[in-house]
Protein backbone atom coordinates (compact mmCIF):
# COMPACT_ATOMS: atom_id res chain seq x y z
CA MET A 1 0.15 -0.61 0.20
CA SER A 2 0.84 3.43 -0.28
CA ALA A 3 1.92 6.32 2.54
CA THR A 4 -2.01 7.66 2.04
CA THR A 5 -3.48 4.53 2.29
CA ASP A 6 -1.28 3.48 5.10
CA ARG A 7 -2.31 6.33 7.46
CA VAL A 8 -5.73 5.94 5.98
CA SER A 9 -5.52 2.12 7.03
CA SER A 10 -4.20 3.30 10.77
CA VAL A 11 -7.33 4.97 11.21
CA VAL A 12 -9.89 3.18 9.86
CA GLY A 13 -8.65 -0.49 11.10
CA PRO A 14 -9.82 0.80 15.04
CA VAL A 15 -13.50 2.14 13.66
CA ALA A 16 -13.99 -1.52 11.73
CA SER A 17 -12.38 -3.54 15.19
CA ARG A 18 -14.38 -1.57 17.27
CA LEU A 19 -17.86 -2.47 14.91
CA GLY A 20 -16.51 -6.23 14.50
CA LEU A 21 -15.16 -5.70 10.83
CA THR A 22 -12.68 -6.12 9.18
CA VAL A 23 -10.20 -3.70 6.52
CA TYR A 24 -10.58 -5.80 3.19
CA ASP A 25 -8.46 -3.82 0.74
CA ILE A 26 -8.20 0.40 1.30
CA ASP A 27 -7.28 1.88 -2.44
CA GLN A 28 -7.73 5.18 -3.20
CA PRO A 29 -8.61 5.42 -7.40
CA GLY A 30 -8.38 8.70 -8.77
CA GLY A 31 -10.30 11.15 -6.60
CA THR A 32 -12.49 7.80 -4.88
CA LEU A 33 -11.01 6.85 -1.96
CA ARG A 34 -12.21 3.46 -1.54
CA ILE A 35 -12.85 0.98 1.50
CA LEU A 36 -13.76 -2.26 1.19
CA LEU A 37 -14.95 -3.85 5.55
CA ASP A 38 -16.03 -7.50 5.78
CA ALA A 39 -16.93 -10.07 8.30
CA ASP A 40 -17.66 -13.24 9.20
CA GLY A 41 -21.61 -14.08 7.51
CA GLY A 42 -20.84 -10.93 5.24
CA VAL A 43 -21.82 -7.32 6.04
CA ASP A 44 -25.57 -5.84 6.10
CA LEU A 45 -25.99 -1.39 4.33
CA ASP A 46 -27.24 -0.61 8.07
CA THR A 47 -23.92 -2.19 9.96
CA LEU A 48 -22.04 -0.15 5.94
CA THR A 49 -24.21 2.34 6.62
CA GLN A 50 -22.57 2.90 10.70
CA ALA A 51 -18.96 2.18 9.34
CA THR A 52 -19.32 5.50 6.54
CA ARG A 53 -20.13 7.66 9.70
CA GLU A 54 -17.77 6.50 11.74
CA ILE A 55 -14.79 6.09 9.33
CA SER A 56 -16.40 10.02 7.86
CA ALA A 57 -15.50 11.44 11.18
CA ALA A 58 -12.90 9.08 12.24
CA LEU A 59 -11.35 10.45 9.12
CA ASP A 60 -11.34 14.11 9.13
CA ASP A 61 -10.49 14.52 12.55
CA ALA A 62 -7.13 12.56 11.42
CA GLU A 63 -6.89 13.96 7.94
CA PRO A 64 -4.45 11.48 6.02
CA VAL A 65 -5.93 11.98 2.88
CA ALA A 66 -4.58 15.49 1.35
CA GLY A 67 -6.70 17.28 -0.71
CA SER A 68 -10.84 16.90 -2.07
CA TYR A 69 -12.29 12.90 -2.44
CA THR A 70 -15.28 10.88 -2.05
CA LEU A 71 -15.42 8.51 0.60
CA GLU A 72 -16.45 4.58 -1.01
CA VAL A 73 -17.01 2.27 2.25
CA SER A 74 -18.32 -1.07 0.08
CA SER A 75 -18.19 -4.80 1.02
CA PRO A 76 -16.12 -7.10 -1.05
CA GLY A 77 -18.74 -8.76 -2.65
CA LEU A 78 -18.95 -12.56 -3.57
CA GLU A 79 -16.38 -11.83 -6.65
CA ARG A 80 -13.67 -9.99 -4.80
CA PRO A 81 -11.04 -8.18 -6.10
CA LEU A 82 -7.64 -9.92 -5.17
CA ARG A 83 -4.44 -6.97 -5.38
CA ARG A 84 -2.32 -8.11 -2.06
CA PRO A 85 -0.64 -11.41 -1.75
CA GLU A 86 -2.56 -11.51 1.04
CA HIS A 87 -6.12 -11.56 -1.33
CA PHE A 88 -4.87 -14.38 -3.09
CA ALA A 89 -3.01 -16.41 -0.15
CA ALA A 90 -6.93 -16.29 0.88
CA ALA A 91 -8.14 -17.53 -2.06
CA VAL A 92 -6.25 -20.65 -3.09
CA GLY A 93 -8.45 -23.32 -3.96
CA GLU A 94 -10.66 -21.16 -6.03
CA ARG A 95 -11.44 -20.50 -9.65
CA VAL A 96 -9.94 -16.67 -10.28
CA LYS A 97 -9.25 -14.01 -13.28
CA VAL A 98 -7.19 -12.67 -14.02
CA LYS A 99 -6.06 -10.35 -16.49
CA LEU A 100 -1.58 -9.25 -17.63
CA MET A 101 -0.40 -6.29 -17.72
CA PRO A 102 0.83 -5.55 -21.13
CA GLY A 103 4.20 -6.95 -22.63
CA VAL A 104 3.72 -9.77 -20.43
CA ASP A 105 4.71 -12.61 -22.03
CA GLY A 106 2.04 -15.50 -23.07
CA GLU A 107 -2.05 -14.61 -23.02
CA ARG A 108 -2.86 -11.47 -21.29
CA ARG A 109 -5.97 -13.58 -19.36
CA ALA A 110 -5.76 -16.34 -17.30
CA ASP A 111 -9.46 -18.42 -16.17
CA GLY A 112 -8.81 -21.21 -14.03
CA GLU A 113 -7.26 -22.23 -10.32
CA LEU A 114 -5.50 -20.25 -8.68
CA ALA A 115 -3.16 -23.39 -7.51
CA GLY A 116 -0.88 -21.45 -4.76
CA ILE A 117 1.26 -18.89 -4.12
CA ASP A 118 4.86 -18.28 -3.63
CA GLY A 119 5.85 -15.26 -2.45
CA ASN A 120 4.85 -12.68 -5.35
CA THR A 121 3.86 -15.60 -7.24
CA VAL A 122 1.28 -17.06 -7.77
CA ARG A 123 0.02 -20.42 -10.05
CA ILE A 124 -3.25 -20.55 -11.64
CA VAL A 125 -4.38 -24.21 -13.43
CA SER A 126 -6.20 -24.16 -16.38
CA GLY A 127 -7.58 -25.99 -19.18
CA GLY A 128 -4.45 -28.83 -17.03
CA GLU A 129 -2.04 -26.36 -17.40
CA GLU A 130 0.01 -24.76 -14.54
CA ARG A 131 1.26 -21.83 -14.83
CA GLU A 132 2.97 -18.82 -13.12
CA VAL A 133 2.53 -15.71 -12.70
CA SER A 134 3.56 -13.03 -11.06
CA ILE A 135 1.69 -10.33 -8.29
CA ASP A 136 3.10 -7.28 -10.05
CA ASP A 137 2.29 -8.30 -13.96
CA ILE A 138 -1.46 -8.59 -13.37
CA SER A 139 -3.57 -5.56 -13.68
CA SER A 140 -6.75 -6.60 -12.58
CA ALA A 141 -7.48 -10.14 -11.08
CA ARG A 142 -10.22 -11.06 -8.98
CA THR A 143 -12.37 -14.12 -7.73
CA VAL A 144 -15.20 -16.37 -9.53
CA PHE A 145 -17.96 -17.53 -7.48
CA GLU A 146 -19.46 -21.23 -9.25
CA TRP A 147 -23.80 -20.70 -9.09
CA GLY A 148 -24.73 -24.08 -8.23
CA PRO A 149 -27.59 -25.61 -10.40
CA GLY A 150 -30.72 -23.27 -9.82
CA GLY A 151 -28.32 -19.99 -10.54
CA PRO A 152 -28.59 -17.31 -8.17
CA ASP A 153 -30.97 -17.03 -5.35
CA THR A 154 -31.85 -13.80 -4.21
CA ARG A 155 -33.87 -14.96 -1.39
CA GLY A 156 -32.06 -13.58 1.22
CA LYS A 157 -29.17 -11.86 0.29
CA SER A 158 -26.12 -9.91 2.56
CA ASN A 159 -24.32 -7.33 1.80
CA LYS A 160 -21.79 -10.39 1.05
CA SER A 161 -23.62 -10.80 -1.76
CA SER A 162 -25.47 -7.88 -3.53
CA GLY A 163 -21.51 -5.63 -2.75
CA LYS A 164 -23.55 -2.94 -1.35
CA SER A 165 -22.03 0.01 -0.77
CA ALA A 166 -22.15 4.06 1.13
CA ARG A 167 -20.39 7.05 -0.52
CA SER A 168 -19.73 10.12 1.00
CA GLY A 169 -18.24 13.47 -0.88
CA LYS A 170 -15.79 15.09 0.93
CA PRO A 171 -14.86 18.47 0.93
CA LYS A 172 -11.23 19.66 0.02
CA LYS A 173 -9.03 20.28 2.79
CA PRO A 174 -9.32 23.10 4.79
CA ALA A 175 -12.50 23.67 3.93
CA ARG A 176 -14.39 21.50 6.35
CA SER A 177 -19.12 20.17 6.48
CA ASN A 178 -20.10 20.25 9.94
CA LYS A 179 -23.03 17.97 8.79
CA ALA A 180 -23.57 14.89 9.69
CA ALA A 181 -23.95 12.17 6.50
CA ARG A 182 -27.38 10.66 6.10
CA PRO A 183 -27.78 7.08 6.24
CA ALA A 184 -27.98 5.51 3.15
CA LYS A 185 -30.07 2.97 2.01
CA ALA A 186 -30.53 0.35 -0.55
CA GLY A 187 -29.65 1.28 -3.95
CA VAL A 188 -28.79 5.20 -2.73
CA THR A 189 -25.95 6.89 -2.74
CA THR A 190 -25.21 9.35 -0.37
CA THR A 191 -23.45 12.89 -1.30
CA GLU A 192 -22.03 15.60 0.80
CA SER A 193 -20.34 18.26 0.54
CA THR A 194 -20.08 22.45 2.18
CA THR A 195 -22.29 24.00 -0.27
CA GLU A 196 -25.16 22.11 -1.02
CA SER A 197 -26.78 18.19 -0.09
CA THR A 198 -27.51 15.48 -2.64
CA THR A 199 -29.76 12.01 -2.94
CA GLU A 200 -29.15 10.35 -5.97
CA SER A 201 -31.05 6.61 -6.69
CA SER A 202 -29.99 4.25 -8.94
CA GLU A 203 -30.89 1.03 -9.03
CA GLU A 204 -29.39 -2.10 -7.27
CA THR A 205 -26.80 -3.99 -10.21
CA GLN A 206 -26.79 -6.98 -9.48
């Protein structure tokens, strides 16, 4: 992780632990600070909403990120992103899809069983052949959830399967907002700024 995400982790970790959650990943693509939280049995939207409020407040106090950004707190979902060695280690034995960086020898895409990991090298078995890939050469990777004969069951899904998220807009420093983050509902994105607040509804993508 970068120095920024390390600082964010030191702030978010205690908050997540207090709520009975673990920090699966922290990433900062562009102007978004993305935090993935997990728990045994999954994370429901109410817990994510509470976590978003508390994490947002903790980040306001600690200010580990320079400039403006949008905070996005979500669960990994059933098909989890794999970015770090510990992610791959936890997914050994599962089916994965991997996309490699341009210029890497061989096919850029691999789809098969994650057979193992040795340091920074993962082994993927596809079509009876094993391929070794350096994590540094991977541009994106995720687990693949294989539904049973009945296909996806939409009844009684937890947030772990749906990958719901709660978002909170963070104002550019040093400007600070005193408004409390509103609770997010299923399929609703809540954005907050120093000048106006808007709530936009979007359909949940399964």
